[in-house]
Amino acid sequence: MDWTTLDTWIVITGVLSAMSCALIGNFLVLRKMSMMGDAISHAVLPGLAVAFLISGSRGSITMFVGAAIAGLLTALFTQWIHKFGKVEESAAMGVTFTALFAIGLILIVRGADSIDLDPGCVLYGAIELVPLDMVTFLGFTCPQAVWILGCVLLINILFTLLLYKELRLTCFDPALATTLGINANVMHYVTMTLVAITTVASFESVGSILVIAMLIVPAAAAHLLTNRYGLMLALSMIFAATSAALGHISAITVPTWFGFADTSTAGMIAVVAGLLFSLVMLFAPHQGILSKIWHQLRLSLRIASEDILGKLYRLEEATSDQPTYTQAVAIPANKWINRLARMDLSRTRKITREQNAYRLTEQGRNVARQLVRSHRLWESYVAKHFDLNVDHLHDSAERTEHYITQTMQQEMIEELRHVQTDPHGKKIPNQQSDEANSNKKGRKA
């Protein structure tokens, strides 16, 4: 791979564009308006065409104005259709952006001879050609796209920093923001205007497909990693910058592995962003797929272990001599889960094994007592408040017993006025063992 100055400018352009889109895209993701980015990226097309027809210029300022107006119209029409037409918001977005996009295509086709706007360029971009359009400003020469995207990124950063509290409130609770004197509607339309400006600033260099990806994917990936507002903003920008850099590197190296020269940088940036999102979706500590599978497995193991302890405790209650219980006491639901549960209980010294039998240790008996206590308290609580047959209480208690805390136990005891037995006539175990209670009373005496 031969790296040149042109590659550096391409990467810088991609990074600036991706970070601009990712920063403003966080507010779309948080407000559950991800489709609005797609809608505006399509709906600005008639704004671009009308701006060119009126001014006859393809200058950046003219395009910005046209895009801003189109973006505002998209947001306004979506809100109006949703509010007055009683249409679901996502459907209102679909109606708005398809209609405006179609109008834009008609304007371009009708004025194809005079409009210097390539639809392919709008969709796919031409980031590889960015270094050919160099300008000098303040004695520093760089591509024009870098200046434009740098200014857009700076505007988005200033907007986020200056209105940090207001944006956070309007994202999570627009009604509360309004009661505190923050006009949520004004914040919404200002945000949509910035989305439109960011979109059109990136059209010629990276294309609308990459813009749509960068508006949503980095923010969505960051949201899987954290629920903290500020950290999410920072992580999304890091994801965006990484996607842009790795995307261009992949565009000029990966195709050579298969005998091709290179591929579209903008397309590869979107692919890399999708791959990074997939990795986060798999390995995120709390929201990742593997993490959820692991937590579900641990929950299943804990429930199976507690079921075994509860079964041993009930068998111990039913006998007066020193009990010895065979492996048949295991709950016959899932053989390998029960095997793991018995291994876990032995390792944590909650049960002991003697030849072909299991017995509760003192630690295991305490845990089992709390479980059975929760079970019988819940049956008593449900029986008091609901007119259910006694035979229907067990299944509910069997599922709920694993999640009842000691605080909840105490609240149920007070509600039940210190009931001693459950609806089946079985004694509700004390908080501590009878032996521990008698020792405590002896020390007090």
Protein backbone atom coordinates (compact mmCIF):
# COMPACT_ATOMS: atom_id res chain seq x y z
CA MET A 1 0.00 0.00 0.00
CA ASP A 2 1.49 3.32 -1.14
CA TRP A 3 0.21 6.10 1.12
CA THR A 4 0.25 9.59 -0.36
CA THR A 5 -0.83 13.10 0.61
CA LEU A 6 -4.03 12.52 -1.36
CA ASP A 7 -4.91 9.60 0.94
CA THR A 8 -4.33 11.81 3.98
CA TRP A 9 -6.74 14.46 2.70
CA ILE A 10 -9.31 11.79 1.86
CA VAL A 11 -9.13 10.41 5.40
CA ILE A 12 -9.34 13.89 6.94
CA THR A 13 -12.40 14.67 4.83
CA GLY A 14 -14.05 11.40 5.79
CA VAL A 15 -13.29 11.91 9.49
CA LEU A 16 -14.70 15.46 9.53
CA SER A 17 -17.84 14.39 7.70
CA ALA A 18 -18.38 11.30 9.84
CA MET A 19 -17.86 13.15 13.13
CA SER A 20 -20.20 15.97 12.08
CA CYS A 21 -22.94 13.52 11.21
CA ALA A 22 -22.37 11.33 14.29
CA LEU A 23 -22.52 14.24 16.73
CA ILE A 24 -25.82 15.61 15.46
CA GLY A 25 -27.14 12.08 14.87
CA ASN A 26 -27.09 11.35 18.62
CA PHE A 27 -30.12 13.56 19.07
CA LEU A 28 -32.02 11.66 16.39
CA VAL A 29 -31.25 8.33 18.07
CA LEU A 30 -32.09 9.56 21.57
CA ARG A 31 -35.40 11.03 20.42
CA LYS A 32 -36.20 7.80 18.53
CA MET A 33 -36.24 9.67 15.23
CA SER A 34 -33.55 7.73 13.40
CA MET A 35 -35.60 7.69 10.21
CA MET A 36 -35.59 11.49 10.22
CA GLY A 37 -31.97 11.45 9.08
CA ASP A 38 -32.93 9.29 6.12
CA ALA A 39 -35.94 11.52 5.43
CA ILE A 40 -33.94 14.76 5.45
CA SER A 41 -31.10 13.30 3.41
CA HIS A 42 -33.63 12.52 0.65
CA ALA A 43 -35.86 15.54 1.14
CA VAL A 44 -33.07 18.13 0.73
CA LEU A 45 -32.82 17.20 -2.95
CA PRO A 46 -35.63 19.58 -4.05
CA GLY A 47 -34.04 22.27 -1.87
CA LEU A 48 -30.77 21.86 -3.74
CA ALA A 49 -32.49 21.92 -7.12
CA VAL A 50 -34.64 24.97 -6.32
CA ALA A 51 -31.64 26.82 -4.86
CA PHE A 52 -29.71 26.24 -8.09
CA LEU A 53 -32.64 27.21 -10.33
CA ILE A 54 -33.14 30.49 -8.46
CA SER A 55 -29.50 31.50 -8.04
CA GLY A 56 -27.91 29.71 -10.98
CA SER A 57 -25.00 28.90 -8.68
CA ARG A 58 -23.80 25.74 -7.00
CA GLY A 59 -22.03 27.69 -4.29
CA SER A 60 -21.94 26.29 -0.78
CA ILE A 61 -23.90 29.13 0.81
CA THR A 62 -26.73 28.79 -1.70
CA MET A 63 -26.89 25.05 -1.20
CA PHE A 64 -26.83 25.43 2.57
CA VAL A 65 -29.82 27.77 2.44
CA GLY A 66 -31.75 25.45 0.14
CA ALA A 67 -30.94 22.42 2.27
CA ALA A 68 -31.88 24.21 5.49
CA ILE A 69 -35.26 25.24 4.09
CA ALA A 70 -35.93 21.73 2.78
CA GLY A 71 -34.91 20.22 6.11
CA LEU A 72 -37.23 22.53 8.01
CA LEU A 73 -40.07 21.74 5.63
CA THR A 74 -39.44 18.03 6.15
CA ALA A 75 -39.65 18.40 9.92
CA LEU A 76 -42.69 20.69 9.69
CA PHE A 77 -44.61 18.48 7.26
CA THR A 78 -43.81 15.39 9.33
CA GLN A 79 -45.10 17.03 12.51
CA TRP A 80 -48.22 18.37 10.78
CA ILE A 81 -49.11 15.03 9.19
CA HIS A 82 -48.49 13.25 12.50
CA LYS A 83 -50.49 15.76 14.55
CA PHE A 84 -53.38 16.73 12.31
CA GLY A 85 -53.62 13.61 10.18
CA LYS A 86 -53.44 11.27 13.20
CA VAL A 87 -50.78 9.26 11.37
CA GLU A 88 -47.98 7.38 13.10
CA GLU A 89 -44.76 9.44 13.13
CA SER A 90 -42.71 6.92 11.14
CA ALA A 91 -45.45 6.77 8.50
CA ALA A 92 -45.55 10.59 8.40
CA MET A 93 -41.80 10.61 7.75
CA GLY A 94 -42.23 8.12 4.92
CA VAL A 95 -44.96 10.19 3.27
CA THR A 96 -42.95 13.42 3.59
CA PHE A 97 -39.54 12.33 2.38
CA THR A 98 -40.81 10.22 -0.53
CA ALA A 99 -42.96 13.10 -1.78
CA LEU A 100 -40.18 15.69 -1.47
CA PHE A 101 -37.58 13.34 -2.94
CA ALA A 102 -39.84 12.67 -5.93
CA ILE A 103 -40.31 16.44 -6.42
CA GLY A 104 -36.54 16.86 -6.34
CA LEU A 105 -36.02 14.16 -8.98
CA ILE A 106 -38.64 15.77 -11.23
CA LEU A 107 -36.91 19.15 -10.93
CA ILE A 108 -33.55 17.64 -11.79
CA VAL A 109 -34.93 15.69 -14.77
CA ARG A 110 -36.84 18.71 -16.11
CA GLY A 111 -33.81 20.95 -15.79
CA ALA A 112 -31.16 18.37 -16.61
CA ASP A 113 -29.54 20.61 -19.23
CA SER A 114 -29.01 23.51 -16.82
CA ILE A 115 -28.67 21.86 -13.40
CA ASP A 116 -25.10 20.85 -12.76
CA LEU A 117 -26.01 18.28 -10.13
CA ASP A 118 -25.11 14.65 -10.63
CA PRO A 119 -27.58 12.29 -8.88
CA GLY A 120 -24.88 9.62 -8.69
CA CYS A 121 -22.59 12.06 -6.93
CA VAL A 122 -25.38 12.86 -4.47
CA LEU A 123 -25.91 9.17 -3.67
CA TYR A 124 -22.35 7.81 -3.70
CA GLY A 125 -20.18 10.89 -3.33
CA ALA A 126 -16.76 11.52 -4.80
CA ILE A 127 -14.47 11.62 -1.80
CA GLU A 128 -11.57 10.36 -3.91
CA LEU A 129 -11.73 13.60 -5.94
CA VAL A 130 -11.74 15.92 -2.92
CA PRO A 131 -7.95 16.60 -3.00
CA LEU A 132 -8.28 17.97 -6.57
CA ASP A 133 -10.24 21.03 -5.40
CA MET A 134 -7.67 22.86 -3.28
CA VAL A 135 -8.17 26.38 -1.89
CA THR A 136 -5.92 28.66 0.13
CA PHE A 137 -7.25 30.44 3.20
CA LEU A 138 -5.20 32.28 5.84
CA GLY A 139 -2.06 31.02 4.15
CA PHE A 140 -3.08 27.38 4.50
CA THR A 141 -3.90 25.28 1.43
CA CYS A 142 -6.25 22.34 1.73
CA PRO A 143 -9.28 20.85 -0.08
CA GLN A 144 -12.38 23.02 -0.09
CA ALA A 145 -14.41 20.14 1.39
CA VAL A 146 -12.12 20.12 4.43
CA TRP A 147 -12.84 23.80 5.10
CA ILE A 148 -16.59 23.32 4.69
CA LEU A 149 -16.84 20.15 6.78
CA GLY A 150 -14.52 21.60 9.42
CA CYS A 151 -16.81 24.60 9.79
CA VAL A 152 -19.88 22.35 9.99
CA LEU A 153 -18.22 20.21 12.67
CA LEU A 154 -17.28 23.32 14.63
CA ILE A 155 -20.87 24.61 14.42
CA ASN A 156 -22.24 21.26 15.62
CA ILE A 157 -19.76 21.15 18.52
CA LEU A 158 -20.59 24.71 19.58
CA PHE A 159 -24.30 23.97 19.30
CA THR A 160 -23.89 20.89 21.51
CA LEU A 161 -21.71 22.60 24.12
CA LEU A 162 -23.71 25.83 24.38
CA LEU A 163 -27.07 24.06 24.58
CA TYR A 164 -25.88 20.93 26.38
CA LYS A 165 -28.48 21.04 29.18
CA GLU A 166 -31.32 22.10 26.88
CA LEU A 167 -30.58 19.35 24.38
CA ARG A 168 -30.43 16.72 27.09
CA LEU A 169 -33.78 17.77 28.53
CA THR A 170 -35.54 17.96 25.17
CA CYS A 171 -34.15 14.57 24.13
CA PHE A 172 -35.32 12.70 27.21
CA ASP A 173 -38.38 14.67 28.35
CA PRO A 174 -39.68 17.43 26.02
CA ALA A 175 -42.67 18.05 28.32
CA LEU A 176 -40.41 18.71 31.31
CA ALA A 177 -38.22 20.97 29.17
CA THR A 178 -41.27 23.03 28.20
CA THR A 179 -42.34 23.43 31.85
CA LEU A 180 -38.83 24.69 32.67
CA GLY A 181 -39.08 27.38 30.02
CA ILE A 182 -37.21 25.59 27.23
CA ASN A 183 -39.11 25.62 23.95
CA ALA A 184 -38.85 22.00 22.82
CA ASN A 185 -40.29 22.78 19.38
CA VAL A 186 -37.67 25.45 18.68
CA MET A 187 -34.89 23.08 19.78
CA HIS A 188 -36.34 20.39 17.53
CA TYR A 189 -36.42 22.59 14.43
CA VAL A 190 -32.95 24.02 15.07
CA THR A 191 -31.63 20.47 15.35
CA MET A 192 -33.35 19.48 12.11
CA THR A 193 -31.82 22.52 10.40
CA LEU A 194 -28.35 21.43 11.50
CA VAL A 195 -29.07 17.89 10.29
CA ALA A 196 -29.97 19.34 6.88
CA ILE A 197 -26.86 21.54 6.74
CA THR A 198 -24.61 18.67 7.80
CA THR A 199 -26.20 16.43 5.21
CA VAL A 200 -25.76 18.77 2.27
CA ALA A 201 -22.22 19.68 3.32
CA SER A 202 -21.31 16.01 2.99
CA PHE A 203 -23.25 15.26 -0.20
CA GLU A 204 -20.63 16.05 -2.78
CA SER A 205 -17.72 14.54 -0.89
CA VAL A 206 -19.17 11.39 0.69
CA GLY A 207 -22.71 11.03 -0.70
CA SER A 208 -26.07 10.57 1.00
CA ILE A 209 -25.65 6.84 1.68
CA LEU A 210 -22.65 7.44 3.92
CA VAL A 211 -24.37 10.43 5.52
CA ILE A 212 -27.35 8.27 6.51
CA ALA A 213 -25.00 5.62 7.93
CA MET A 214 -22.95 8.14 9.93
CA LEU A 215 -26.03 9.89 11.30
CA ILE A 216 -27.27 6.69 12.94
CA VAL A 217 -24.70 3.88 13.20
CA PRO A 218 -22.04 5.50 15.47
CA ALA A 219 -24.69 6.92 17.81
CA ALA A 220 -26.50 3.57 17.96
CA ALA A 221 -23.23 1.76 18.72
CA ALA A 222 -22.35 4.25 21.45
CA HIS A 223 -25.83 3.89 22.95
CA LEU A 224 -25.25 0.14 23.31
CA LEU A 225 -22.16 0.86 25.40
CA THR A 226 -23.46 3.58 27.70
CA ASN A 227 -26.57 5.39 28.87
CA ARG A 228 -24.62 8.48 29.91
CA TYR A 229 -25.39 11.40 27.63
CA GLY A 230 -21.94 13.01 27.49
CA LEU A 231 -20.06 9.74 27.14
CA MET A 232 -22.39 8.66 24.35
CA LEU A 233 -21.57 11.83 22.38
CA ALA A 234 -17.82 11.23 22.78
CA LEU A 235 -17.98 7.52 21.90
CA SER A 236 -20.08 8.15 18.79
CA MET A 237 -17.47 10.59 17.46
CA ILE A 238 -14.69 8.10 18.16
CA PHE A 239 -16.62 5.39 16.30
CA ALA A 240 -17.20 7.77 13.39
CA ALA A 241 -13.55 8.82 13.11
CA THR A 242 -12.37 5.20 13.37
CA SER A 243 -14.83 4.11 10.68
CA ALA A 244 -13.60 6.83 8.30
CA ALA A 245 -9.92 6.03 8.77
CA LEU A 246 -10.30 2.25 8.60
CA GLY A 247 -12.78 2.59 5.74
CA HIS A 248 -10.33 4.30 3.43
CA ILE A 249 -7.51 1.95 4.40
CA SER A 250 -9.79 -1.01 3.69
CA ALA A 251 -10.91 0.50 0.37
CA ILE A 252 -7.34 0.52 -0.98
CA THR A 253 -6.13 -2.73 0.58
CA VAL A 254 -8.95 -5.29 0.93
CA PRO A 255 -9.87 -5.41 -2.82
CA THR A 256 -6.24 -6.29 -3.66
CA TRP A 257 -6.67 -9.53 -1.71
CA PHE A 258 -9.22 -10.60 -4.32
CA GLY A 259 -7.39 -9.31 -7.39
CA PHE A 260 -9.09 -5.89 -7.69
CA ALA A 261 -7.46 -2.48 -7.65
CA ASP A 262 -9.65 -0.68 -5.10
CA THR A 263 -13.27 0.17 -4.29
CA SER A 264 -15.43 3.10 -3.18
CA THR A 265 -14.07 4.74 -0.04
CA ALA A 266 -17.48 6.09 1.02
CA GLY A 267 -19.06 2.66 0.65
CA MET A 268 -16.26 0.98 2.58
CA ILE A 269 -16.54 3.54 5.40
CA ALA A 270 -20.21 2.60 5.77
CA VAL A 271 -19.26 -1.10 5.75
CA VAL A 272 -16.65 -0.60 8.47
CA ALA A 273 -19.17 1.37 10.54
CA GLY A 274 -21.58 -1.55 10.22
CA LEU A 275 -18.87 -4.03 11.25
CA LEU A 276 -17.97 -1.96 14.31
CA PHE A 277 -21.63 -1.79 15.26
CA SER A 278 -21.88 -5.58 14.88
CA LEU A 279 -18.91 -6.07 17.20
CA VAL A 280 -20.44 -3.75 19.78
CA MET A 281 -23.79 -5.49 19.45
CA LEU A 282 -22.08 -8.81 20.17
CA PHE A 283 -19.63 -7.83 22.91
CA ALA A 284 -21.14 -4.78 24.69
CA PRO A 285 -20.84 -5.40 28.47
CA HIS A 286 -24.52 -4.91 29.31
CA GLN A 287 -26.49 -4.65 26.05
CA GLY A 288 -24.46 -7.07 23.92
CA ILE A 289 -25.90 -10.34 22.65
CA LEU A 290 -23.15 -12.48 24.24
CA SER A 291 -23.47 -10.59 27.51
CA LYS A 292 -27.22 -11.19 27.59
CA ILE A 293 -26.69 -14.88 26.83
CA TRP A 294 -24.12 -15.10 29.62
CA HIS A 295 -26.38 -13.33 32.13
CA GLN A 296 -29.29 -15.55 31.12
CA LEU A 297 -27.13 -18.64 31.60
CA ARG A 298 -26.04 -17.43 35.05
CA LEU A 299 -29.65 -16.69 35.98
CA SER A 300 -30.72 -20.17 34.85
CA LEU A 301 -27.87 -21.69 36.87
CA ARG A 302 -28.82 -19.68 39.99
CA ILE A 303 -32.48 -20.65 39.71
CA ALA A 304 -31.63 -24.32 39.20
CA SER A 305 -29.26 -24.21 42.20
CA GLU A 306 -31.88 -22.57 44.41
CA ASP A 307 -34.49 -25.09 43.27
CA ILE A 308 -32.20 -27.90 44.38
CA LEU A 309 -31.60 -26.22 47.75
CA GLY A 310 -35.33 -25.68 48.21
CA LYS A 311 -36.08 -29.32 47.41
CA LEU A 312 -33.46 -30.51 49.91
CA TYR A 313 -34.84 -28.17 52.57
CA ARG A 314 -38.40 -29.43 52.07
CA LEU A 315 -37.23 -33.04 52.29
CA GLU A 316 -35.34 -32.16 55.45
CA GLU A 317 -38.52 -30.65 56.89
CA ALA A 318 -40.41 -33.87 56.18
CA THR A 319 -37.99 -36.08 58.16
CA SER A 320 -37.11 -36.03 61.83
CA ASP A 321 -33.80 -37.93 61.69
CA GLN A 322 -30.55 -36.86 60.04
CA PRO A 323 -31.46 -37.00 56.35
CA THR A 324 -29.48 -38.29 53.43
CA TYR A 325 -30.85 -37.43 49.99
CA THR A 326 -30.06 -39.06 46.68
CA GLN A 327 -29.37 -37.36 43.36
CA ALA A 328 -33.04 -37.86 42.48
CA VAL A 329 -33.88 -34.65 44.37
CA ALA A 330 -32.60 -32.57 41.44
CA ILE A 331 -35.35 -30.81 39.50
CA PRO A 332 -35.86 -32.84 36.29
CA ALA A 333 -36.12 -29.81 33.98
CA ASN A 334 -32.77 -29.60 32.25
CA LYS A 335 -30.19 -32.28 32.88
CA TRP A 336 -27.03 -30.32 32.10
CA ILE A 337 -28.23 -27.20 33.98
CA ASN A 338 -28.89 -29.36 37.05
CA ARG A 339 -25.46 -30.94 36.73
CA LEU A 340 -23.87 -27.49 36.61
CA ALA A 341 -26.04 -26.39 39.53
CA ARG A 342 -24.89 -29.29 41.71
CA MET A 343 -21.27 -28.57 40.82
CA ASP A 344 -21.77 -24.89 41.70
CA LEU A 345 -23.43 -25.76 45.02
CA SER A 346 -20.62 -28.14 45.94
CA ARG A 347 -17.99 -25.55 45.04
CA THR A 348 -19.66 -22.87 47.18
CA ARG A 349 -20.12 -25.41 50.03
CA LYS A 350 -23.89 -25.20 50.13
CA ILE A 351 -24.26 -28.97 49.76
CA THR A 352 -21.96 -31.89 50.51
CA ARG A 353 -21.82 -35.18 48.72
CA GLU A 354 -21.44 -38.46 50.55
CA GLN A 355 -21.08 -41.36 48.15
CA ASN A 356 -24.25 -41.18 46.03
CA ALA A 357 -26.15 -38.66 48.17
CA TYR A 358 -26.32 -34.93 48.86
CA ARG A 359 -26.85 -33.03 52.12
CA LEU A 360 -27.29 -29.36 52.95
CA THR A 361 -24.49 -27.56 54.76
CA GLU A 362 -25.34 -24.87 57.30
CA GLN A 363 -24.67 -22.18 54.68
CA GLY A 364 -26.85 -23.97 52.15
CA ARG A 365 -29.60 -24.44 54.72
CA ASN A 366 -29.69 -20.70 55.42
CA VAL A 367 -30.01 -19.92 51.72
CA ALA A 368 -32.71 -22.57 51.27
CA ARG A 369 -34.61 -21.27 54.30
CA GLN A 370 -34.81 -17.79 52.77
CA LEU A 371 -36.01 -19.24 49.47
CA VAL A 372 -38.76 -21.35 51.08
CA ARG A 373 -39.70 -18.40 53.30
CA SER A 374 -40.11 -16.20 50.21
CA HIS A 375 -42.16 -18.90 48.48
CA ARG A 376 -44.63 -19.34 51.32
CA LEU A 377 -44.90 -15.64 52.08
CA TRP A 378 -45.75 -14.96 48.45
CA GLU A 379 -48.42 -17.68 48.44
CA SER A 380 -49.93 -16.12 51.56
CA TYR A 381 -49.80 -12.64 50.08
CA VAL A 382 -51.47 -13.69 46.82
CA ALA A 383 -54.10 -15.71 48.67
CA LYS A 384 -55.02 -12.65 50.76
CA HIS A 385 -55.39 -10.22 47.88
CA PHE A 386 -56.73 -12.48 45.11
CA ASP A 387 -59.61 -14.91 45.05
CA LEU A 388 -57.65 -17.87 43.72
CA ASN A 389 -57.87 -21.56 44.35
CA VAL A 390 -55.08 -22.75 46.67
CA ASP A 391 -53.86 -25.14 43.97
CA HIS A 392 -53.09 -22.17 41.71
CA LEU A 393 -50.69 -20.44 44.11
CA HIS A 394 -47.66 -22.69 43.81
CA ASP A 395 -46.65 -21.98 40.19
CA SER A 396 -46.63 -18.22 40.70
CA ALA A 397 -44.62 -18.52 43.93
CA GLU A 398 -42.14 -20.90 42.32
CA ARG A 399 -41.29 -18.28 39.69
CA THR A 400 -41.31 -15.30 42.05
CA GLU A 401 -39.37 -16.75 45.00
CA HIS A 402 -36.00 -16.23 43.29
CA TYR A 403 -36.43 -12.44 43.10
CA ILE A 404 -37.89 -11.58 46.53
CA THR A 405 -35.49 -9.63 48.76
CA GLN A 406 -35.45 -9.54 52.57
CA THR A 407 -36.98 -6.06 52.46
CA MET A 408 -39.89 -7.40 50.43
CA GLN A 409 -40.22 -10.28 52.88
CA GLN A 410 -40.53 -7.85 55.77
CA GLU A 411 -43.14 -5.78 53.93
CA MET A 412 -45.20 -8.89 53.24
CA ILE A 413 -44.90 -9.98 56.88
CA GLU A 414 -46.26 -6.63 58.02
CA GLU A 415 -49.01 -6.75 55.41
CA LEU A 416 -49.98 -10.26 56.47
CA ARG A 417 -49.86 -9.30 60.18
CA HIS A 418 -47.13 -11.78 61.03
CA VAL A 419 -48.83 -14.86 59.60
CA GLN A 420 -47.17 -18.12 60.68
CA THR A 421 -48.35 -20.61 58.01
CA ASP A 422 -49.00 -20.52 54.29
CA PRO A 423 -52.39 -21.34 52.65
CA HIS A 424 -51.37 -25.03 52.51
CA GLY A 425 -50.89 -25.09 56.29
CA LYS A 426 -47.09 -25.34 56.10
CA LYS A 427 -45.00 -23.32 58.53
CA ILE A 428 -43.27 -20.23 57.13
CA PRO A 429 -39.58 -20.47 58.15
CA ASN A 430 -38.18 -17.78 60.40
CA GLN A 431 -35.62 -15.24 59.20
CA GLN A 432 -32.98 -17.25 61.09
CA SER A 433 -32.88 -20.88 62.15
CA ASP A 434 -34.57 -21.90 65.37
CA GLU A 435 -31.18 -22.88 66.81
CA ALA A 436 -29.73 -19.43 66.03
CA ASN A 437 -32.77 -17.73 67.55
CA SER A 438 -32.49 -19.80 70.74
CA ASN A 439 -28.77 -19.01 71.04
CA LYS A 440 -29.53 -15.31 70.62
CA LYS A 441 -32.17 -15.48 73.35
CA GLY A 442 -29.73 -17.33 75.63
CA ARG A 443 -27.09 -14.61 75.19
CA LYS A 444 -29.66 -11.92 76.01
CA ALA A 445 -30.65 -13.78 79.15
